[in-house]
Amino acid sequence: MTDPHSGRRGRGFKSRHPDFVTAGQGRFPFGGTGPDCVFLGVWVSTGCDLETGCHRSAARCRNTYEETSHRDQTWDGVRKLRGWLDEEGQAAAGDVRLLRVLKIGEEFGEAAEAITGVLGANPRKGNSHTWEDVDKELCDVIVTAQVALLTINQEAEKVLDARVQKLLERPNLS
């Protein structure tokens, strides 16, 4: 097997990028029979074709790296926001979890107001918002939910990933 990045041959070679390696042939947790990427300790099935030299797989590894790096940046930002809220917060410790979950409802209300404004559904206000406003408000809902989840569970990333996988199993998309 040839490393698509370095041209070296062998099993279990390390890719040029320090955060992932390509493993030798075999079956891995997510299926597949060809080399898979191990990215930050997680197997990612790439469906590599051993006969064609793995170039398609390497591209998928790079995409996985970029997506995971972006996801890590997002969760790092969520942690910073949570830390800032923890420092600035004046609520009792037991109330913080409740208040952060309730905050999701507030943000959802703002998203609903934005979509109503885009559609001009409120005759008193007319077309008061843009689709960019809707995007912003939906992002606020997502980030607020992430902060609430991280407040409740220190393993929020794993909990979210597990839930997404479970949801993908329902319509057989995993």
Protein backbone atom coordinates (compact mmCIF):
# COMPACT_ATOMS: atom_id res chain seq x y z
CA MET A 1 0.00 0.00 0.00
CA THR A 2 1.35 3.46 -0.87
CA ASP A 3 0.98 6.59 1.23
CA PRO A 4 -0.74 9.11 -1.08
CA HIS A 5 1.10 11.97 0.65
CA SER A 6 4.68 10.70 0.77
CA GLY A 7 4.72 7.88 -1.80
CA ARG A 8 6.16 5.48 0.83
CA ARG A 9 4.93 1.90 0.97
CA GLY A 10 3.96 -0.11 4.01
CA ARG A 11 1.23 -0.82 6.51
CA GLY A 12 0.15 1.65 9.15
CA PHE A 13 2.07 4.54 7.63
CA LYS A 14 1.70 8.01 9.07
CA SER A 15 0.30 10.70 6.84
CA ARG A 16 1.98 14.08 6.35
CA HIS A 17 -0.53 15.65 8.70
CA PRO A 18 0.43 14.97 12.34
CA ASP A 19 -3.17 14.59 13.51
CA PHE A 20 -4.11 11.52 11.54
CA VAL A 21 -2.59 8.31 10.33
CA THR A 22 -3.74 5.84 7.73
CA ALA A 23 -3.97 2.30 9.02
CA GLY A 24 -3.37 -0.99 7.24
CA GLN A 25 -6.01 -3.15 5.63
CA GLY A 26 -8.67 -4.64 7.91
CA ARG A 27 -12.15 -4.06 9.28
CA PHE A 28 -12.61 -1.10 11.58
CA PRO A 29 -15.43 0.08 13.83
CA PHE A 30 -17.20 2.04 11.08
CA GLY A 31 -16.83 -0.69 8.46
CA GLY A 32 -14.82 -0.72 5.26
CA THR A 33 -12.03 -3.02 4.25
CA GLY A 34 -9.37 -0.58 3.11
CA PRO A 35 -7.19 1.88 4.98
CA ASP A 36 -9.09 4.24 7.21
CA CYS A 37 -8.02 7.47 8.83
CA VAL A 38 -7.43 7.61 12.53
CA PHE A 39 -8.14 11.20 13.38
CA LEU A 40 -7.53 12.37 16.95
CA GLY A 41 -8.04 8.81 18.14
CA VAL A 42 -11.27 8.21 16.20
CA TRP A 43 -11.54 5.79 13.28
CA VAL A 44 -13.06 7.38 10.21
CA SER A 45 -14.05 4.99 7.45
CA THR A 46 -12.91 6.31 4.10
CA GLY A 47 -13.77 3.43 1.79
CA CYS A 48 -10.26 3.51 0.37
CA ASP A 49 -9.62 1.40 -2.68
CA LEU A 50 -6.34 -0.48 -2.22
CA GLU A 51 -6.01 -1.08 -5.95
CA THR A 52 -6.17 2.59 -6.96
CA GLY A 53 -3.69 3.92 -4.43
CA CYS A 54 -5.95 5.58 -1.88
CA HIS A 55 -6.04 9.11 -3.36
CA ARG A 56 -9.78 9.40 -2.91
CA SER A 57 -9.36 8.26 0.68
CA ALA A 58 -6.65 10.81 1.39
CA ALA A 59 -8.95 13.58 0.18
CA ARG A 60 -11.62 12.31 2.53
CA CYS A 61 -9.08 12.29 5.36
CA ARG A 62 -8.21 15.90 4.64
CA ASN A 63 -11.91 16.83 4.54
CA THR A 64 -12.44 15.03 7.84
CA TYR A 65 -9.49 16.92 9.31
CA GLU A 66 -10.89 20.27 8.14
CA GLU A 67 -14.40 19.46 9.39
CA THR A 68 -13.11 18.26 12.73
CA SER A 69 -10.82 21.27 13.12
CA HIS A 70 -13.78 23.55 12.44
CA ARG A 71 -15.91 21.59 14.93
CA ASP A 72 -13.12 21.88 17.51
CA GLN A 73 -12.98 25.65 16.94
CA THR A 74 -16.73 25.86 17.46
CA TRP A 75 -16.64 23.89 20.71
CA ASP A 76 -13.62 25.90 21.91
CA GLY A 77 -15.69 29.04 21.35
CA VAL A 78 -18.64 27.50 23.20
CA ARG A 79 -16.32 26.70 26.14
CA LYS A 80 -15.08 30.30 26.19
CA LEU A 81 -18.64 31.62 26.16
CA ARG A 82 -19.61 29.27 28.97
CA GLY A 83 -16.56 30.34 30.99
CA TRP A 84 -17.41 33.99 30.48
CA LEU A 85 -21.04 33.37 31.50
CA ASP A 86 -19.87 31.44 34.57
CA GLU A 87 -17.65 34.37 35.60
CA GLU A 88 -20.29 37.02 34.94
CA GLY A 89 -23.30 35.04 36.15
CA GLN A 90 -25.06 36.03 39.33
CA ALA A 91 -27.58 33.18 39.52
CA ALA A 92 -27.34 30.45 42.14
CA ALA A 93 -25.44 27.39 40.92
CA GLY A 94 -28.56 25.22 40.75
CA ASP A 95 -30.42 27.84 38.73
CA VAL A 96 -27.71 28.23 36.08
CA ARG A 97 -28.64 25.01 34.29
CA LEU A 98 -32.32 25.92 34.26
CA LEU A 99 -31.68 29.46 33.07
CA ARG A 100 -29.38 28.33 30.26
CA VAL A 101 -31.99 25.88 28.99
CA LEU A 102 -34.68 28.57 29.19
CA LYS A 103 -32.40 30.91 27.23
CA ILE A 104 -32.79 28.54 24.26
CA GLY A 105 -36.50 29.42 24.23
CA GLU A 106 -35.69 33.12 24.18
CA GLU A 107 -33.34 32.68 21.24
CA PHE A 108 -35.91 30.53 19.42
CA GLY A 109 -38.41 33.38 19.85
CA GLU A 110 -35.97 35.73 18.15
CA ALA A 111 -35.54 33.24 15.28
CA ALA A 112 -39.32 33.00 14.96
CA GLU A 113 -39.58 36.80 14.90
CA ALA A 114 -36.94 36.95 12.15
CA ILE A 115 -38.69 34.38 9.95
CA THR A 116 -41.99 36.20 10.49
CA GLY A 117 -40.23 39.40 9.42
CA VAL A 118 -38.77 37.82 6.30
CA LEU A 119 -42.18 36.56 5.25
CA GLY A 120 -43.85 39.86 6.11
CA ALA A 121 -46.37 37.90 8.15
CA ASN A 122 -46.91 40.68 10.68
CA PRO A 123 -48.93 43.38 8.91
CA ARG A 124 -47.87 45.97 11.49
CA LYS A 125 -44.13 45.41 10.81
CA GLY A 126 -44.12 44.24 7.18
CA ASN A 127 -40.85 42.84 5.81
CA SER A 128 -38.70 43.73 8.81
CA HIS A 129 -35.96 41.10 8.55
CA THR A 130 -33.66 39.44 6.01
CA TRP A 131 -32.60 35.82 5.54
CA GLU A 132 -29.25 36.83 7.04
CA ASP A 133 -31.14 37.82 10.19
CA VAL A 134 -32.72 34.36 10.24
CA ASP A 135 -29.27 32.75 9.81
CA LYS A 136 -27.89 34.79 12.72
CA GLU A 137 -30.81 33.96 15.00
CA LEU A 138 -30.65 30.24 14.18
CA CYS A 139 -26.92 30.28 14.98
CA ASP A 140 -27.75 31.95 18.29
CA VAL A 141 -30.22 29.11 19.03
CA ILE A 142 -27.58 26.48 18.22
CA VAL A 143 -24.79 28.11 20.25
CA THR A 144 -27.12 28.74 23.18
CA ALA A 145 -28.14 25.07 23.12
CA GLN A 146 -24.47 24.04 23.01
CA VAL A 147 -23.68 26.26 26.01
CA ALA A 148 -26.64 24.78 27.90
CA LEU A 149 -25.57 21.22 27.04
CA LEU A 150 -21.99 21.93 28.12
CA THR A 151 -23.28 23.44 31.37
CA ILE A 152 -25.24 20.26 32.10
CA ASN A 153 -22.70 17.74 30.82
CA GLN A 154 -18.92 18.21 30.57
CA GLU A 155 -18.86 15.60 27.77
CA ALA A 156 -21.20 17.70 25.60
CA GLU A 157 -19.33 16.99 22.35
CA LYS A 158 -19.57 13.24 22.85
CA VAL A 159 -23.21 13.49 23.91
CA LEU A 160 -24.07 15.51 20.79
CA ASP A 161 -22.08 13.21 18.48
CA ALA A 162 -23.77 10.13 19.98
CA ARG A 163 -27.19 11.73 19.58
CA VAL A 164 -26.55 12.63 15.95
CA GLN A 165 -25.44 9.06 15.27
CA LYS A 166 -28.62 7.77 16.93
CA LEU A 167 -30.74 10.10 14.83
CA LEU A 168 -28.97 8.91 11.67
CA GLU A 169 -29.83 5.31 12.56
CA ARG A 170 -33.57 6.02 12.46
CA PRO A 171 -33.83 6.63 8.71
CA ASN A 172 -30.89 4.27 8.11
CA LEU A 173 -28.47 7.07 7.12
CA SER A 174 -25.49 6.05 9.24
